[in-house]
């Protein structure tokens, strides 16, 4: 399985194709070593990108230090599994999509989400601007291009089909690798499924005239980027867990107030941000990403929607991607998020 929400032209923009199948199951060796010092290693996918700006900003502005921890930001190696370092104790938390974390948990891995990273789901159906496809129901009889039948893009595709009142037999799902833009431009597919803050942005920047048909965010049974760790680490490092969630959320709010701080912090990691073109592209991605970080009240607090997590587990089970039973209450908790906002997320 591959991570498709945050890393690819994350420029992944969300998804550098990191396989969960490469994860080490079981060991949490080394994670408890940070309990006395307050050190925390935060894992990110291997391509530095402005979508990770909250972590960069929290680090650069000392927000993690202010919260009582010393953070080390670590980008994965290109041949490293998404959760490998976490489960091996080389990382303490990782930014990863909730849907893929649930699948990992179904494989018996010790996974729990302790904080919200994206408040809304970025999956979207993308069609040419002049396409006759206007609603998700219009996908009937059409060919939908996706990287492959794995990961967040695939789950989003199945969710879009369901939201349109269709069955998978009503459409043709074509695995085209990460060639959505070229395939759509050449008319090889009728639609592609991607991410509104990455694929759609990149297509528009390239001059491709497109239109988005968003998944119904209010009912989409999927959870995007989240702050993931192991239950063992969270249980033994509650103060560090709370610090990571609160400081990352604070950085999101700081970015919303002054987007330039995100570009400045990201430039310390993304060495491609050296000219007007690359900075303009990063600005476009950032503009599309900020709303994803913020909740309905336009403010990030790290609190997760537990009902959506429950719906997601049911949905992933219904499409047959879970390898075992998953108890939603075991893989997500608001214990380490803003206590004052927790009650509203459970109502």
Protein backbone atom coordinates (compact mmCIF):
# COMPACT_ATOMS: atom_id res chain seq x y z
CA UNK A 1 0.00 0.00 0.00
CA UNK A 2 1.23 3.48 -0.71
CA UNK A 3 0.77 6.83 0.90
CA UNK A 4 -1.16 9.04 -1.40
CA UNK A 5 -2.48 11.83 0.70
CA UNK A 6 0.55 13.77 1.63
CA UNK A 7 3.45 12.89 -0.32
CA UNK A 8 3.44 12.63 -4.03
CA UNK A 9 4.27 15.60 -6.04
CA UNK A 10 3.88 16.63 -2.34
CA UNK A 11 4.36 17.60 -4.61
CA UNK A 12 2.72 14.18 -3.49
CA UNK A 13 1.62 16.53 -2.87
CA UNK A 14 0.67 14.18 -0.97
CA UNK A 15 2.36 11.12 -1.76
CA UNK A 16 5.53 9.70 -2.60
CA UNK A 17 4.39 6.16 -2.89
CA UNK A 18 5.69 4.79 0.35
CA UNK A 19 4.62 1.23 1.00
CA UNK A 20 3.01 0.23 4.25
CA UNK A 21 3.87 -3.33 3.40
CA UNK A 22 7.45 -2.43 4.23
CA UNK A 23 6.56 -1.57 7.82
CA UNK A 24 8.10 -3.37 10.74
CA UNK A 25 5.31 -4.94 12.76
CA UNK A 26 5.62 -4.93 16.45
CA UNK A 27 8.68 -3.37 17.94
CA UNK A 28 8.58 -0.01 19.65
CA UNK A 29 12.16 -0.27 20.78
CA UNK A 30 13.76 3.04 21.51
CA UNK A 31 10.65 5.19 21.71
CA UNK A 32 10.65 5.30 25.49
CA UNK A 33 14.17 6.76 25.47
CA UNK A 34 12.71 10.27 24.99
CA UNK A 35 10.52 10.14 28.10
CA UNK A 36 12.97 11.88 30.39
CA UNK A 37 14.32 14.48 27.98
CA UNK A 38 11.19 15.61 26.16
CA UNK A 39 12.79 14.87 22.80
CA UNK A 40 10.36 14.06 19.99
CA UNK A 41 11.16 12.96 16.45
CA UNK A 42 8.47 13.88 13.93
CA UNK A 43 8.42 11.88 10.71
CA UNK A 44 7.39 13.27 7.33
CA UNK A 45 7.33 11.72 3.88
CA UNK A 46 10.53 12.10 1.94
CA UNK A 47 9.78 15.12 -0.26
CA UNK A 48 9.89 18.43 1.65
CA UNK A 49 6.81 20.47 0.77
CA UNK A 50 4.80 23.44 1.96
CA UNK A 51 2.01 21.05 2.97
CA UNK A 52 4.24 20.20 5.94
CA UNK A 53 4.63 23.88 6.84
CA UNK A 54 2.94 23.60 10.27
CA UNK A 55 5.72 21.26 11.40
CA UNK A 56 8.42 23.47 9.88
CA UNK A 57 6.92 26.61 11.41
CA UNK A 58 6.43 25.06 14.84
CA UNK A 59 10.06 24.00 14.76
CA UNK A 60 11.46 27.26 13.38
CA UNK A 61 9.46 29.52 15.70
CA UNK A 62 10.18 27.46 18.80
CA UNK A 63 6.56 26.45 19.33
CA UNK A 64 7.55 22.88 20.14
CA UNK A 65 10.10 24.18 22.64
CA UNK A 66 7.49 26.48 24.17
CA UNK A 67 5.23 23.45 24.60
CA UNK A 68 7.97 21.62 26.47
CA UNK A 69 9.58 19.38 23.86
CA UNK A 70 12.67 19.41 21.70
CA UNK A 71 11.58 18.34 18.23
CA UNK A 72 13.62 16.72 15.49
CA UNK A 73 12.01 16.83 12.05
CA UNK A 74 12.89 13.78 9.97
CA UNK A 75 12.03 13.20 6.33
CA UNK A 76 11.87 9.53 5.41
CA UNK A 77 14.30 7.98 2.99
CA UNK A 78 12.88 7.29 -0.46
CA UNK A 79 13.04 3.54 0.09
CA UNK A 80 11.54 3.63 3.56
CA UNK A 81 8.03 2.54 4.48
CA UNK A 82 5.65 5.15 5.85
CA UNK A 83 5.44 3.59 9.31
CA UNK A 84 8.70 1.69 9.39
CA UNK A 85 10.65 4.23 11.44
CA UNK A 86 7.71 4.84 13.77
CA UNK A 87 7.32 1.18 14.62
CA UNK A 88 11.08 0.73 14.94
CA UNK A 89 11.30 3.60 17.43
CA UNK A 90 13.29 5.91 15.15
CA UNK A 91 10.35 8.31 15.02
CA UNK A 92 7.82 9.14 17.72
CA UNK A 93 5.02 10.55 15.58
CA UNK A 94 4.38 10.71 11.86
CA UNK A 95 2.05 12.71 9.64
CA UNK A 96 0.03 10.09 7.78
CA UNK A 97 -3.45 9.68 6.37
CA UNK A 98 -6.08 8.28 8.71
CA UNK A 99 -7.41 5.83 6.15
CA UNK A 100 -4.04 4.22 5.60
CA UNK A 101 -3.40 4.18 9.35
CA UNK A 102 -6.65 2.27 9.81
CA UNK A 103 -5.54 -0.27 7.23
CA UNK A 104 -2.21 -0.62 9.03
CA UNK A 105 -4.05 -1.18 12.31
CA UNK A 106 -6.07 -3.93 10.66
CA UNK A 107 -2.76 -5.67 10.00
CA UNK A 108 -2.15 -5.78 13.73
CA UNK A 109 0.15 -2.76 13.95
CA UNK A 110 0.14 -0.62 17.10
CA UNK A 111 -1.29 2.58 15.62
CA UNK A 112 -3.28 5.48 17.09
CA UNK A 113 -4.10 8.96 15.83
CA UNK A 114 -3.61 11.60 18.52
CA UNK A 115 -4.37 14.76 16.59
CA UNK A 116 -6.03 16.19 13.51
CA UNK A 117 -3.80 17.54 10.73
CA UNK A 118 -6.35 18.03 7.94
CA UNK A 119 -9.76 19.10 9.16
CA UNK A 120 -11.40 18.25 5.84
CA UNK A 121 -10.78 15.60 3.22
CA UNK A 122 -8.86 16.84 0.15
CA UNK A 123 -9.94 14.13 -2.28
CA UNK A 124 -11.61 15.43 -5.43
CA UNK A 125 -12.72 14.23 -8.84
CA UNK A 126 -11.06 16.24 -11.61
CA UNK A 127 -12.45 16.54 -15.13
CA UNK A 128 -11.77 18.79 -18.14
CA UNK A 129 -13.60 22.10 -17.85
CA UNK A 130 -15.84 21.23 -20.81
CA UNK A 131 -16.63 17.71 -19.58
CA UNK A 132 -20.27 16.62 -19.48
CA UNK A 133 -19.53 15.15 -16.04
CA UNK A 134 -21.08 17.59 -13.59
CA UNK A 135 -22.02 15.42 -10.63
CA UNK A 136 -20.60 12.25 -9.15
CA UNK A 137 -23.58 10.36 -10.58
CA UNK A 138 -22.40 11.41 -14.06
CA UNK A 139 -19.38 9.13 -13.65
CA UNK A 140 -21.57 6.23 -14.72
CA UNK A 141 -20.07 4.61 -17.81
CA UNK A 142 -16.90 6.70 -17.55
CA UNK A 143 -13.24 5.81 -17.05
CA UNK A 144 -11.61 7.11 -13.89
CA UNK A 145 -7.83 7.28 -13.73
CA UNK A 146 -6.01 6.71 -10.43
CA UNK A 147 -2.41 5.80 -9.51
CA UNK A 148 -3.46 2.27 -8.60
CA UNK A 149 -5.89 0.25 -6.54
CA UNK A 150 -4.28 1.07 -3.21
CA UNK A 151 -4.06 3.91 -0.76
CA UNK A 152 -5.99 7.14 -0.35
CA UNK A 153 -6.65 7.82 -4.04
CA UNK A 154 -8.30 4.42 -4.39
CA UNK A 155 -10.36 4.82 -1.22
CA UNK A 156 -11.45 8.30 -2.36
CA UNK A 157 -12.48 6.86 -5.73
CA UNK A 158 -14.66 4.22 -4.09
CA UNK A 159 -16.15 6.87 -1.81
CA UNK A 160 -16.93 9.08 -4.82
CA UNK A 161 -18.60 6.18 -6.61
CA UNK A 162 -20.71 5.43 -3.56
CA UNK A 163 -21.61 9.10 -3.07
CA UNK A 164 -22.79 9.20 -6.68
CA UNK A 165 -25.16 6.32 -6.02
CA UNK A 166 -23.12 4.01 -8.25
CA UNK A 167 -21.43 0.63 -8.04
CA UNK A 168 -17.87 -0.11 -9.11
CA UNK A 169 -19.37 -2.06 -12.02
CA UNK A 170 -20.86 1.21 -13.29
CA UNK A 171 -17.44 2.71 -14.02
CA UNK A 172 -14.03 1.67 -15.30
CA UNK A 173 -11.20 2.27 -12.83
CA UNK A 174 -7.93 2.59 -14.71
CA UNK A 175 -4.60 2.31 -12.90
CA UNK A 176 -2.41 4.87 -14.68
CA UNK A 177 0.35 5.52 -12.16
CA UNK A 178 1.08 9.12 -11.30
CA UNK A 179 0.18 10.34 -14.79
CA UNK A 180 -3.22 11.85 -14.02
CA UNK A 181 -2.46 15.17 -15.65
CA UNK A 182 -1.12 13.72 -18.89
CA UNK A 183 -3.86 11.10 -19.11
CA UNK A 184 -6.59 13.68 -18.57
CA UNK A 185 -5.08 16.14 -21.04
CA UNK A 186 -4.78 13.43 -23.69
CA UNK A 187 -8.33 12.21 -23.18
CA UNK A 188 -7.16 8.75 -22.13
CA UNK A 189 -9.53 8.90 -19.15
CA UNK A 190 -12.72 10.84 -18.53
CA UNK A 191 -11.82 11.83 -14.99
CA UNK A 192 -9.11 11.39 -12.41
CA UNK A 193 -9.20 11.34 -8.63
CA UNK A 194 -6.61 13.45 -6.89
CA UNK A 195 -6.20 16.06 -4.21
CA UNK A 196 -7.54 19.58 -4.36
CA UNK A 197 -4.38 21.04 -2.82
CA UNK A 198 -1.97 19.18 -5.05
CA UNK A 199 -3.14 17.56 -8.26
CA UNK A 200 -5.75 20.20 -9.05
CA UNK A 201 -3.30 22.99 -8.24
CA UNK A 202 -0.55 21.53 -10.39
CA UNK A 203 -2.89 21.02 -13.33
CA UNK A 204 -4.09 24.62 -13.21
CA UNK A 205 -0.52 25.88 -12.94
CA UNK A 206 0.36 23.91 -16.06
CA UNK A 207 -2.45 25.65 -17.96
CA UNK A 208 -4.84 22.70 -18.06
CA UNK A 209 -8.44 23.92 -17.91
CA UNK A 210 -10.11 21.70 -15.34
CA UNK A 211 -13.11 21.55 -13.08
CA UNK A 212 -13.39 19.83 -9.71
CA UNK A 213 -16.27 17.75 -8.41
CA UNK A 214 -15.55 17.52 -4.69
CA UNK A 215 -16.49 14.59 -2.57
CA UNK A 216 -19.25 15.59 -0.18
CA UNK A 217 -16.98 16.57 2.67
CA UNK A 218 -19.76 16.48 5.20
CA UNK A 219 -20.35 12.79 4.63
CA UNK A 220 -17.14 11.47 3.10
CA UNK A 221 -16.23 8.46 5.26
CA UNK A 222 -12.50 9.06 5.09
CA UNK A 223 -9.91 10.79 7.24
CA UNK A 224 -6.95 12.50 5.65
CA UNK A 225 -3.63 13.54 7.19
CA UNK A 226 -3.43 12.99 10.94
CA UNK A 227 -0.81 12.95 13.67
CA UNK A 228 -0.09 9.27 14.14
CA UNK A 229 1.92 7.44 16.76
CA UNK A 230 1.83 4.13 18.60
CA UNK A 231 -0.49 3.54 21.53
CA UNK A 232 2.51 2.55 23.62
CA UNK A 233 4.35 5.82 22.97
CA UNK A 234 1.27 7.98 23.59
CA UNK A 235 0.52 6.15 26.82
CA UNK A 236 4.07 6.56 28.15
CA UNK A 237 4.65 10.09 26.77
CA UNK A 238 1.36 11.96 27.31
CA UNK A 239 2.97 15.38 27.81
CA UNK A 240 5.02 15.06 24.63
CA UNK A 241 1.97 13.88 22.70
CA UNK A 242 -0.06 16.89 23.84
CA UNK A 243 2.83 19.20 23.04
CA UNK A 244 3.14 17.97 19.46
CA UNK A 245 -0.59 18.30 18.82
CA UNK A 246 -0.94 21.74 20.40
CA UNK A 247 2.19 23.25 18.86
CA UNK A 248 1.39 21.93 15.38
CA UNK A 249 -2.15 23.34 15.61
CA UNK A 250 -0.76 26.67 16.83
CA UNK A 251 1.52 26.79 13.80
CA UNK A 252 -1.47 26.24 11.52
CA UNK A 253 -3.20 29.23 13.05
CA UNK A 254 -0.04 31.32 12.73
CA UNK A 255 0.18 30.43 9.05
CA UNK A 256 -3.46 31.33 8.48
CA UNK A 257 -2.73 34.78 9.93
CA UNK A 258 0.51 35.25 7.99
CA UNK A 259 1.13 32.77 5.14
CA UNK A 260 4.62 34.15 4.55
CA UNK A 261 5.89 32.39 7.68
CA UNK A 262 5.04 29.07 6.01
CA UNK A 263 7.07 29.88 2.92
CA UNK A 264 10.01 31.12 4.97
CA UNK A 265 10.07 27.99 7.14
CA UNK A 266 9.51 25.62 4.22
CA UNK A 267 12.38 27.18 2.27
CA UNK A 268 14.75 25.87 4.93
CA UNK A 269 13.76 22.35 3.87
CA UNK A 270 12.62 22.63 0.28
CA UNK A 271 15.66 23.73 -1.69
CA UNK A 272 13.59 24.19 -4.86
CA UNK A 273 12.01 27.39 -3.51
CA UNK A 274 14.61 29.61 -5.10
CA UNK A 275 12.81 31.47 -7.89
CA UNK A 276 9.56 33.25 -8.64
CA UNK A 277 8.02 30.26 -10.43
CA UNK A 278 8.60 27.78 -7.62
CA UNK A 279 7.52 30.28 -4.98
CA UNK A 280 4.35 31.04 -6.93
CA UNK A 281 3.56 27.33 -7.11
CA UNK A 282 4.19 26.90 -3.38
CA UNK A 283 1.91 29.85 -2.70
CA UNK A 284 -0.85 28.21 -4.75
CA UNK A 285 -0.49 24.93 -2.89
CA UNK A 286 -0.45 26.78 0.43
CA UNK A 287 -3.59 28.75 -0.43
CA UNK A 288 -5.40 25.48 -1.17
CA UNK A 289 -4.03 23.76 1.93
CA UNK A 290 -4.73 26.31 4.67
CA UNK A 291 -8.51 25.68 4.55
CA UNK A 292 -7.83 21.97 4.98
CA UNK A 293 -5.99 22.61 8.25
CA UNK A 294 -8.73 24.75 9.75
CA UNK A 295 -12.06 23.59 11.09
CA UNK A 296 -15.49 25.09 10.52
CA UNK A 297 -14.60 27.91 12.88
CA UNK A 298 -11.49 28.68 10.81
CA UNK A 299 -9.17 27.71 13.64
CA UNK A 300 -7.08 24.58 14.14
CA UNK A 301 -7.12 22.85 17.52
CA UNK A 302 -6.05 19.30 16.73
CA UNK A 303 -9.37 17.81 17.84
CA UNK A 304 -10.52 14.91 15.68
CA UNK A 305 -14.01 14.02 14.49
CA UNK A 306 -14.49 10.65 16.14
CA UNK A 307 -17.73 9.97 14.26
CA UNK A 308 -15.89 10.26 10.92
CA UNK A 309 -13.23 7.83 12.13
CA UNK A 310 -15.96 5.36 13.01
CA UNK A 311 -17.65 5.82 9.63
CA UNK A 312 -14.29 5.37 7.91
CA UNK A 313 -13.61 2.04 9.60
CA UNK A 314 -17.05 0.82 8.54
CA UNK A 315 -16.50 2.03 4.98
CA UNK A 316 -13.03 0.52 4.65
CA UNK A 317 -14.39 -2.74 6.01
CA UNK A 318 -17.23 -2.68 3.50
CA UNK A 319 -14.84 -2.34 0.56
CA UNK A 320 -12.69 -5.19 1.80
CA UNK A 321 -9.38 -3.41 2.44
CA UNK A 322 -9.14 -4.15 6.15
CA UNK A 323 -7.28 -7.34 6.96
CA UNK A 324 -8.83 -7.75 10.38
CA UNK A 325 -11.31 -6.20 12.77
CA UNK A 326 -10.56 -2.62 13.83
CA UNK A 327 -12.10 -0.93 16.86
CA UNK A 328 -12.32 2.79 16.00
CA UNK A 329 -11.97 3.74 19.66
CA UNK A 330 -8.59 1.99 19.73
CA UNK A 331 -7.05 3.86 16.80
CA UNK A 332 -8.10 7.47 17.49
CA UNK A 333 -8.25 9.58 20.62
CA UNK A 334 -8.74 13.23 21.55
CA UNK A 335 -7.06 12.70 24.90
CA UNK A 336 -4.02 14.63 23.69
CA UNK A 337 -5.87 17.43 21.90
CA UNK A 338 -7.49 20.58 23.22
CA UNK A 339 -9.64 19.35 26.10
CA UNK A 340 -12.02 22.27 25.85
CA UNK A 341 -12.97 21.40 22.30
CA UNK A 342 -13.09 17.65 22.74
CA UNK A 343 -16.72 17.44 23.76
CA UNK A 344 -17.94 19.05 20.55
CA UNK A 345 -16.11 16.48 18.45
CA UNK A 346 -17.91 13.66 20.24
CA UNK A 347 -21.38 15.09 20.00
